[in-house]
N, C-alpha and C. Protein backbone atom coordinates (compact mmCIF):
# COMPACT_ATOMS: atom_id res chain seq x y z
N MET A 1 87.53 63.17 -11.80
CA MET A 1 86.78 63.08 -12.15
C MET A 1 86.06 64.56 -11.18
N ARG A 2 85.57 65.38 -11.99
CA ARG A 2 85.05 66.90 -11.47
C ARG A 2 83.75 66.73 -11.25
N ASP A 3 83.75 67.63 -10.68
CA ASP A 3 82.34 67.99 -9.43
C ASP A 3 81.58 68.95 -11.10
N PRO A 4 80.50 68.34 -11.35
CA PRO A 4 79.82 69.35 -12.27
C PRO A 4 79.13 70.48 -11.58
N LYS A 5 78.97 70.66 -10.22
CA LYS A 5 77.88 71.84 -9.68
C LYS A 5 79.05 72.61 -9.40
N LYS A 6 79.98 73.00 -10.20
CA LYS A 6 80.85 73.92 -9.86
C LYS A 6 81.33 74.56 -11.21
N LEU A 7 80.93 73.82 -12.35
CA LEU A 7 80.37 74.51 -13.94
C LEU A 7 79.60 75.39 -14.16
N LEU A 8 79.78 76.81 -14.55
CA LEU A 8 78.61 77.99 -14.09
C LEU A 8 78.01 77.37 -15.84
N VAL A 9 78.81 76.62 -16.88
CA VAL A 9 78.16 76.38 -18.00
C VAL A 9 76.60 75.56 -17.54
N LEU A 10 77.22 74.87 -16.88
CA LEU A 10 75.99 73.48 -16.59
C LEU A 10 74.78 74.29 -15.82
N GLN A 11 75.24 75.20 -14.83
CA GLN A 11 74.20 76.16 -14.26
C GLN A 11 73.29 76.84 -15.19
N GLN A 12 74.21 77.29 -15.86
CA GLN A 12 73.61 77.94 -17.38
C GLN A 12 72.23 77.21 -18.00
N SER A 13 73.20 75.94 -18.60
CA SER A 13 72.15 74.97 -19.32
C SER A 13 70.87 74.60 -18.67
N ARG A 14 71.49 74.61 -17.23
CA ARG A 14 69.85 74.20 -16.32
C ARG A 14 68.81 75.03 -16.21
N THR A 15 69.22 76.62 -16.34
CA THR A 15 68.29 77.61 -16.69
C THR A 15 67.71 77.42 -17.96
N LEU A 16 68.65 77.14 -19.00
CA LEU A 16 67.75 76.78 -19.85
C LEU A 16 67.15 76.03 -20.29
N ALA A 17 67.74 74.35 -19.44
CA ALA A 17 66.46 73.93 -20.05
C ALA A 17 64.67 74.22 -19.33
N VAL A 18 65.19 74.84 -18.19
CA VAL A 18 63.65 75.19 -17.53
C VAL A 18 63.19 76.26 -18.77
N SER A 19 63.77 77.23 -19.25
CA SER A 19 62.98 78.09 -20.03
C SER A 19 62.88 77.81 -21.58
N VAL A 20 62.93 76.08 -21.88
CA VAL A 20 62.50 75.71 -22.94
C VAL A 20 61.55 74.78 -22.28
N TYR A 21 61.33 74.62 -20.99
CA TYR A 21 59.70 73.94 -20.72
C TYR A 21 58.61 74.68 -20.51
N ARG A 22 59.17 76.19 -19.82
CA ARG A 22 58.05 77.05 -20.55
C ARG A 22 57.60 77.71 -21.44
N LEU A 23 58.74 77.83 -22.53
CA LEU A 23 58.74 77.99 -24.24
C LEU A 23 57.61 77.06 -24.14
N THR A 24 57.72 75.57 -23.94
CA THR A 24 56.91 74.67 -25.27
C THR A 24 55.69 74.21 -24.34
N ALA A 25 55.61 75.00 -23.17
CA ALA A 25 54.48 74.56 -21.97
C ALA A 25 53.10 75.33 -22.92
N ASN A 26 53.44 76.43 -23.80
CA ASN A 26 52.45 76.82 -24.90
C ASN A 26 52.29 76.54 -25.84
N PHE A 27 53.61 75.56 -26.59
CA PHE A 27 53.09 75.57 -27.63
C PHE A 27 51.54 74.69 -28.31
N PRO A 28 51.38 74.47 -29.17
CA PRO A 28 49.70 73.53 -29.42
C PRO A 28 49.77 72.01 -28.84
N ALA A 29 48.81 71.43 -28.63
CA ALA A 29 48.54 69.74 -28.49
C ALA A 29 49.09 69.19 -29.12
N SER A 30 48.74 69.29 -30.96
CA SER A 30 49.21 68.84 -31.60
C SER A 30 50.61 68.86 -31.53
N GLU A 31 51.77 69.83 -31.29
CA GLU A 31 52.94 69.30 -30.79
C GLU A 31 53.50 68.66 -30.17
N ARG A 32 52.78 67.85 -28.92
CA ARG A 32 53.11 67.42 -27.72
C ARG A 32 54.44 66.23 -27.96
N PHE A 33 53.99 65.50 -28.95
CA PHE A 33 54.80 64.36 -29.33
C PHE A 33 55.57 64.32 -30.55
N GLY A 34 56.26 66.02 -31.38
CA GLY A 34 56.59 66.46 -32.23
C GLY A 34 57.92 67.55 -32.12
N LEU A 35 57.49 68.79 -31.93
CA LEU A 35 58.58 69.67 -31.51
C LEU A 35 58.40 69.71 -30.05
N THR A 36 58.01 70.04 -29.70
CA THR A 36 57.73 69.86 -27.84
C THR A 36 58.83 69.11 -27.78
N THR A 37 58.45 67.83 -27.94
CA THR A 37 59.35 66.94 -26.56
C THR A 37 61.05 67.36 -27.53
N GLN A 38 61.20 67.67 -29.04
CA GLN A 38 62.19 67.67 -29.31
C GLN A 38 63.00 68.39 -28.70
N MET A 39 62.40 69.65 -28.21
CA MET A 39 63.26 70.79 -27.91
C MET A 39 63.54 71.02 -26.21
N ARG A 40 62.94 69.84 -25.75
CA ARG A 40 62.74 68.90 -24.45
C ARG A 40 64.02 68.34 -23.90
N ARG A 41 64.15 67.57 -25.09
CA ARG A 41 65.14 66.36 -24.87
C ARG A 41 66.63 67.26 -25.19
N SER A 42 66.37 68.12 -26.74
CA SER A 42 67.30 68.82 -26.59
C SER A 42 68.09 69.71 -25.77
N ALA A 43 67.27 70.54 -24.64
CA ALA A 43 67.72 71.01 -23.72
C ALA A 43 68.07 70.63 -22.66
N ILE A 44 67.86 69.14 -22.85
CA ILE A 44 67.73 68.23 -21.19
C ILE A 44 69.29 67.96 -21.26
N SER A 45 69.29 67.51 -22.94
CA SER A 45 70.49 67.01 -22.77
C SER A 45 72.05 67.92 -23.22
N ILE A 46 71.86 68.64 -23.24
CA ILE A 46 72.58 69.89 -23.25
C ILE A 46 73.57 69.29 -21.83
N GLY A 47 73.37 69.35 -20.75
CA GLY A 47 73.39 69.79 -19.02
C GLY A 47 73.92 68.25 -19.11
N SER A 48 72.80 67.10 -19.89
CA SER A 48 73.31 65.78 -19.39
C SER A 48 74.35 65.70 -20.09
N ASN A 49 74.51 65.89 -20.75
CA ASN A 49 76.30 65.66 -21.76
C ASN A 49 77.30 66.33 -20.70
N ILE A 50 77.26 67.57 -20.33
CA ILE A 50 78.09 67.86 -19.38
C ILE A 50 78.56 67.21 -18.16
N SER A 51 77.58 66.79 -17.54
CA SER A 51 77.41 66.36 -16.48
C SER A 51 77.74 65.21 -16.32
N GLU A 52 77.85 64.34 -18.05
CA GLU A 52 78.20 62.55 -17.74
C GLU A 52 79.66 62.88 -17.75
N GLY A 53 79.87 63.89 -18.60
CA GLY A 53 81.59 64.19 -18.80
C GLY A 53 82.28 64.35 -17.79
N CYS A 54 81.77 65.01 -16.53
CA CYS A 54 81.94 65.11 -15.62
C CYS A 54 82.35 63.96 -14.72
N GLY A 55 81.94 63.02 -15.04
CA GLY A 55 82.05 61.12 -13.99
C GLY A 55 82.55 60.66 -15.48
N ARG A 56 82.97 60.83 -16.33
CA ARG A 56 84.25 60.53 -16.66
C ARG A 56 85.47 60.30 -16.61
N GLN A 57 86.11 59.08 -17.33
CA GLN A 57 87.98 59.15 -17.23
C GLN A 57 88.39 60.02 -17.85
N GLY A 58 89.64 60.97 -17.46
CA GLY A 58 90.04 61.97 -18.91
C GLY A 58 89.84 62.76 -19.37
N SER A 59 90.52 63.31 -20.13
CA SER A 59 89.74 64.62 -20.88
C SER A 59 89.84 64.47 -21.86
N ARG A 60 90.49 63.36 -22.70
CA ARG A 60 89.97 63.04 -23.75
C ARG A 60 87.94 62.43 -23.81
N GLU A 61 87.43 62.25 -22.84
CA GLU A 61 85.88 61.93 -22.61
C GLU A 61 85.04 62.68 -22.61
N PHE A 62 85.82 63.61 -21.57
CA PHE A 62 85.17 64.59 -21.26
C PHE A 62 84.63 66.06 -22.60
N LEU A 63 85.93 65.86 -23.76
CA LEU A 63 85.62 66.38 -24.32
C LEU A 63 84.82 66.15 -25.25
N HIS A 64 85.33 64.96 -25.31
CA HIS A 64 83.74 64.29 -26.83
C HIS A 64 82.16 64.85 -25.55
N SER A 65 82.11 64.90 -24.66
CA SER A 65 80.61 64.92 -24.16
C SER A 65 80.37 66.43 -24.06
N LEU A 66 81.08 67.35 -23.98
CA LEU A 66 81.17 68.84 -24.35
C LEU A 66 80.90 69.13 -25.53
N TYR A 67 81.30 68.01 -26.83
CA TYR A 67 81.38 68.34 -28.13
C TYR A 67 79.72 67.76 -28.28
N LEU A 68 79.17 67.25 -27.70
CA LEU A 68 77.70 66.62 -27.82
C LEU A 68 77.16 67.56 -27.27
N ALA A 69 77.39 68.14 -25.99
CA ALA A 69 76.32 69.85 -25.87
C ALA A 69 75.97 70.32 -26.84
N ARG A 70 77.42 70.54 -26.92
CA ARG A 70 77.04 71.89 -28.46
C ARG A 70 76.66 71.26 -29.39
N GLY A 71 76.39 70.10 -30.04
CA GLY A 71 76.08 69.42 -31.11
C GLY A 71 74.10 69.67 -30.93
N GLU A 72 73.83 69.64 -29.25
CA GLU A 72 72.78 69.69 -29.21
C GLU A 72 72.19 71.28 -29.02
N ALA A 73 72.80 71.95 -28.22
CA ALA A 73 72.43 72.99 -28.16
C ALA A 73 72.45 74.20 -29.77
N SER A 74 73.16 72.88 -30.73
CA SER A 74 72.71 73.67 -32.13
C SER A 74 71.44 73.19 -32.78
N GLU A 75 71.17 71.84 -31.92
CA GLU A 75 70.06 71.48 -32.54
C GLU A 75 69.04 72.00 -31.86
N LEU A 76 68.82 72.81 -31.23
CA LEU A 76 68.22 73.67 -30.08
C LEU A 76 67.78 74.60 -30.87
N ALA A 77 69.19 75.03 -31.13
CA ALA A 77 68.90 76.73 -31.31
C ALA A 77 68.35 76.57 -33.28
N TYR A 78 68.02 75.59 -34.01
CA TYR A 78 67.81 75.24 -34.86
C TYR A 78 66.21 75.20 -34.49
N GLN A 79 65.43 74.32 -33.43
CA GLN A 79 64.66 73.77 -33.09
C GLN A 79 63.67 75.41 -32.59
N ALA A 80 64.42 76.46 -31.42
CA ALA A 80 63.68 77.35 -31.65
C ALA A 80 63.46 78.57 -32.89
N GLU A 81 64.34 78.64 -33.43
CA GLU A 81 64.36 78.89 -35.13
C GLU A 81 62.77 78.74 -35.42
N LEU A 82 62.79 78.00 -35.70
CA LEU A 82 61.25 76.54 -36.16
C LEU A 82 60.33 77.16 -35.57
N SER A 83 59.99 77.19 -34.31
CA SER A 83 58.77 77.55 -33.25
C SER A 83 58.36 78.53 -33.76
N GLU A 84 59.45 79.66 -33.45
CA GLU A 84 59.12 81.09 -34.39
C GLU A 84 58.53 80.91 -35.46
N ASP A 85 59.53 80.51 -36.31
CA ASP A 85 58.43 79.95 -38.17
C ASP A 85 57.18 79.60 -37.99
N LEU A 86 56.98 78.60 -37.05
CA LEU A 86 56.08 78.73 -37.53
C LEU A 86 54.85 79.17 -36.46
N GLY A 87 54.98 80.10 -35.83
CA GLY A 87 53.67 80.74 -34.45
C GLY A 87 53.90 80.16 -33.46
N PHE A 88 54.81 79.25 -33.20
CA PHE A 88 54.67 78.36 -31.69
C PHE A 88 55.38 78.91 -30.40
N SER A 89 55.77 80.47 -30.80
CA SER A 89 56.21 81.16 -30.25
C SER A 89 56.23 82.49 -30.52
N GLU A 90 56.91 83.67 -29.54
CA GLU A 90 56.69 84.77 -29.27
C GLU A 90 57.90 84.99 -29.87
N PRO A 91 58.44 86.12 -30.55
CA PRO A 91 60.08 86.70 -31.25
C PRO A 91 60.84 86.56 -30.56
N ASP A 92 60.16 87.67 -29.48
CA ASP A 92 61.14 87.93 -27.87
C ASP A 92 61.51 86.67 -27.50
N GLU A 93 60.47 85.42 -26.78
CA GLU A 93 60.58 84.36 -25.95
C GLU A 93 61.58 83.37 -26.63
N ALA A 94 61.38 82.96 -28.39
CA ALA A 94 62.52 82.90 -28.54
C ALA A 94 63.31 83.14 -28.99
N LYS A 95 63.59 84.33 -29.24
CA LYS A 95 65.29 85.14 -28.67
C LYS A 95 65.98 84.98 -27.10
N ALA A 96 64.89 85.24 -26.69
CA ALA A 96 66.07 84.65 -25.03
C ALA A 96 65.95 83.50 -25.38
N VAL A 97 65.81 82.67 -25.50
CA VAL A 97 65.91 80.96 -25.29
C VAL A 97 67.57 81.06 -26.23
N LEU A 98 66.89 81.31 -28.06
CA LEU A 98 68.61 81.55 -28.75
C LEU A 98 69.65 82.62 -28.01
N ASP A 99 69.51 83.46 -27.33
CA ASP A 99 70.11 84.08 -26.67
C ASP A 99 71.73 83.23 -25.78
N ALA A 100 70.49 82.73 -24.97
CA ALA A 100 70.66 81.77 -23.83
C ALA A 100 71.64 80.46 -24.49
N ILE A 101 71.28 80.31 -25.13
CA ILE A 101 71.99 79.16 -26.50
C ILE A 101 73.51 79.53 -26.93
N ASP A 102 73.05 80.34 -27.71
CA ASP A 102 74.80 81.71 -27.98
C ASP A 102 75.54 81.65 -26.77
N HIS A 103 74.97 81.97 -25.25
CA HIS A 103 75.75 82.33 -24.36
C HIS A 103 76.70 80.70 -23.85
N ILE A 104 75.72 79.82 -23.96
CA ILE A 104 76.41 78.57 -23.28
C ILE A 104 77.14 78.20 -24.72
N GLN A 105 76.87 78.38 -25.67
CA GLN A 105 77.89 77.54 -26.67
C GLN A 105 79.23 78.50 -26.72
N ARG A 106 78.60 79.58 -26.47
CA ARG A 106 80.41 81.02 -26.13
C ARG A 106 81.31 79.82 -24.85
N MET A 107 80.50 79.74 -24.24
CA MET A 107 80.94 78.64 -22.90
C MET A 107 81.92 77.52 -23.30
N LEU A 108 81.10 76.81 -23.62
CA LEU A 108 81.48 75.40 -24.35
C LEU A 108 83.21 75.21 -25.01
N ASN A 109 82.95 76.61 -26.09
CA ASN A 109 84.02 76.93 -26.83
C ASN A 109 85.08 76.78 -26.24
N ARG A 110 84.68 78.25 -25.42
CA ARG A 110 86.18 78.15 -24.27
C ARG A 110 86.59 77.27 -23.42
N LEU A 111 85.58 76.42 -22.52
CA LEU A 111 85.77 75.40 -21.61
C LEU A 111 86.92 73.95 -23.24
N THR A 112 86.38 73.97 -24.00
CA THR A 112 86.82 73.12 -24.50
C THR A 112 88.61 73.35 -25.06
N ALA A 113 88.02 74.86 -25.12
CA ALA A 113 89.16 75.01 -25.89
C ALA A 113 90.65 75.12 -25.11
N SER A 114 90.19 75.42 -23.48
CA SER A 114 91.03 75.77 -22.35
C SER A 114 91.73 73.89 -22.09
N ILE A 115 90.65 72.63 -21.88
CA ILE A 115 90.83 71.43 -21.68
C ILE A 115 92.13 71.39 -22.79
N ARG A 116 91.60 71.40 -24.26
CA ARG A 116 92.21 71.17 -25.34
C ARG A 116 93.80 72.02 -24.78
N THR A 117 94.08 73.25 -24.44
CA THR A 117 95.66 73.87 -24.58
C THR A 117 95.77 72.78 -22.80
N ARG A 118 95.44 72.40 -22.16
CA ARG A 118 95.86 71.86 -20.85
C ARG A 118 96.82 70.83 -21.25
N ASN A 119 95.83 69.97 -22.12
CA ASN A 119 96.48 68.71 -22.57
C ASN A 119 97.65 68.58 -23.67
N ASN A 120 97.64 69.53 -24.00
CA ASN A 120 98.71 70.00 -25.02
C ASN A 120 100.06 70.50 -24.27
N LYS A 121 99.70 71.25 -23.17
CA LYS A 121 100.56 71.44 -22.13
C LYS A 121 101.37 70.38 -21.75
N SER A 122 100.19 69.55 -20.98
CA SER A 122 100.85 67.89 -20.33
C SER A 122 101.10 67.38 -21.36
N LYS A 123 101.23 67.15 -22.26
CA LYS A 123 101.80 66.13 -23.12
C LYS A 123 103.39 66.83 -24.12
N GLY A 124 103.41 68.13 -23.50
CA GLY A 124 104.80 68.59 -24.09
C GLY A 124 106.13 68.41 -22.54
N ALA A 125 105.23 68.05 -21.02
CA ALA A 125 105.51 68.55 -19.92
C ALA A 125 106.66 67.31 -19.90
N GLY A 126 107.34 66.99 -19.71
CA GLY A 126 108.08 65.65 -19.49
C GLY A 126 108.43 64.95 -20.69
N HIS A 127 108.68 65.37 -21.75
CA HIS A 127 108.57 64.89 -23.00
C HIS A 127 110.27 65.26 -23.26
N ASN A 128 111.19 64.18 -23.56
CA ASN A 128 112.46 64.35 -24.12
C ASN A 128 112.57 63.62 -25.36
N PRO A 129 113.09 65.19 -25.78
CA PRO A 129 113.18 64.35 -27.18
C PRO A 129 114.28 63.51 -27.28
N PRO A 130 114.53 62.41 -28.14
CA PRO A 130 115.47 62.01 -27.97
C PRO A 130 116.72 62.52 -28.30
N ALA A 131 118.06 61.90 -27.95
CA ALA A 131 119.40 62.54 -27.94
C ALA A 131 119.96 62.29 -29.57
N PRO A 132 120.50 63.50 -30.05
CA PRO A 132 120.60 62.80 -31.30
C PRO A 132 122.25 61.95 -31.10
N ALA A 133 122.02 61.41 -32.12
CA ALA A 133 122.76 59.82 -32.66
C ALA A 133 124.23 60.36 -32.96
N GLU A 134 125.37 59.94 -32.49
CA GLU A 134 126.52 59.94 -32.61
C GLU A 134 127.38 59.66 -33.32
């Protein structure tokens, strides 16, 4: 089990979720159960998946949770762009959210690559190839 509080990407995800809540607070009331809810759920899911993965056993399950978080980040990026297209958010507000999403996605990419590399090294360690037949 990993301590999620030690992961910078989780801290950044929480900051992003707060930003998305603030951004969507100004959306039209008619979007309360539409784009507002979707964006908030996506933003929450990024950090939630990371945190859940920290509580799982094994690297494979942790990686799966990180992949889910990355997918939620991609979904949120689409939604942020759509909110701007619809005139629900100002371009600079949407850009700030998109920049934060990009940063988190890069962090997730580095973390998943690091875990995969570590897993590959540990698979090779202690592995003895079969002895040649005589």
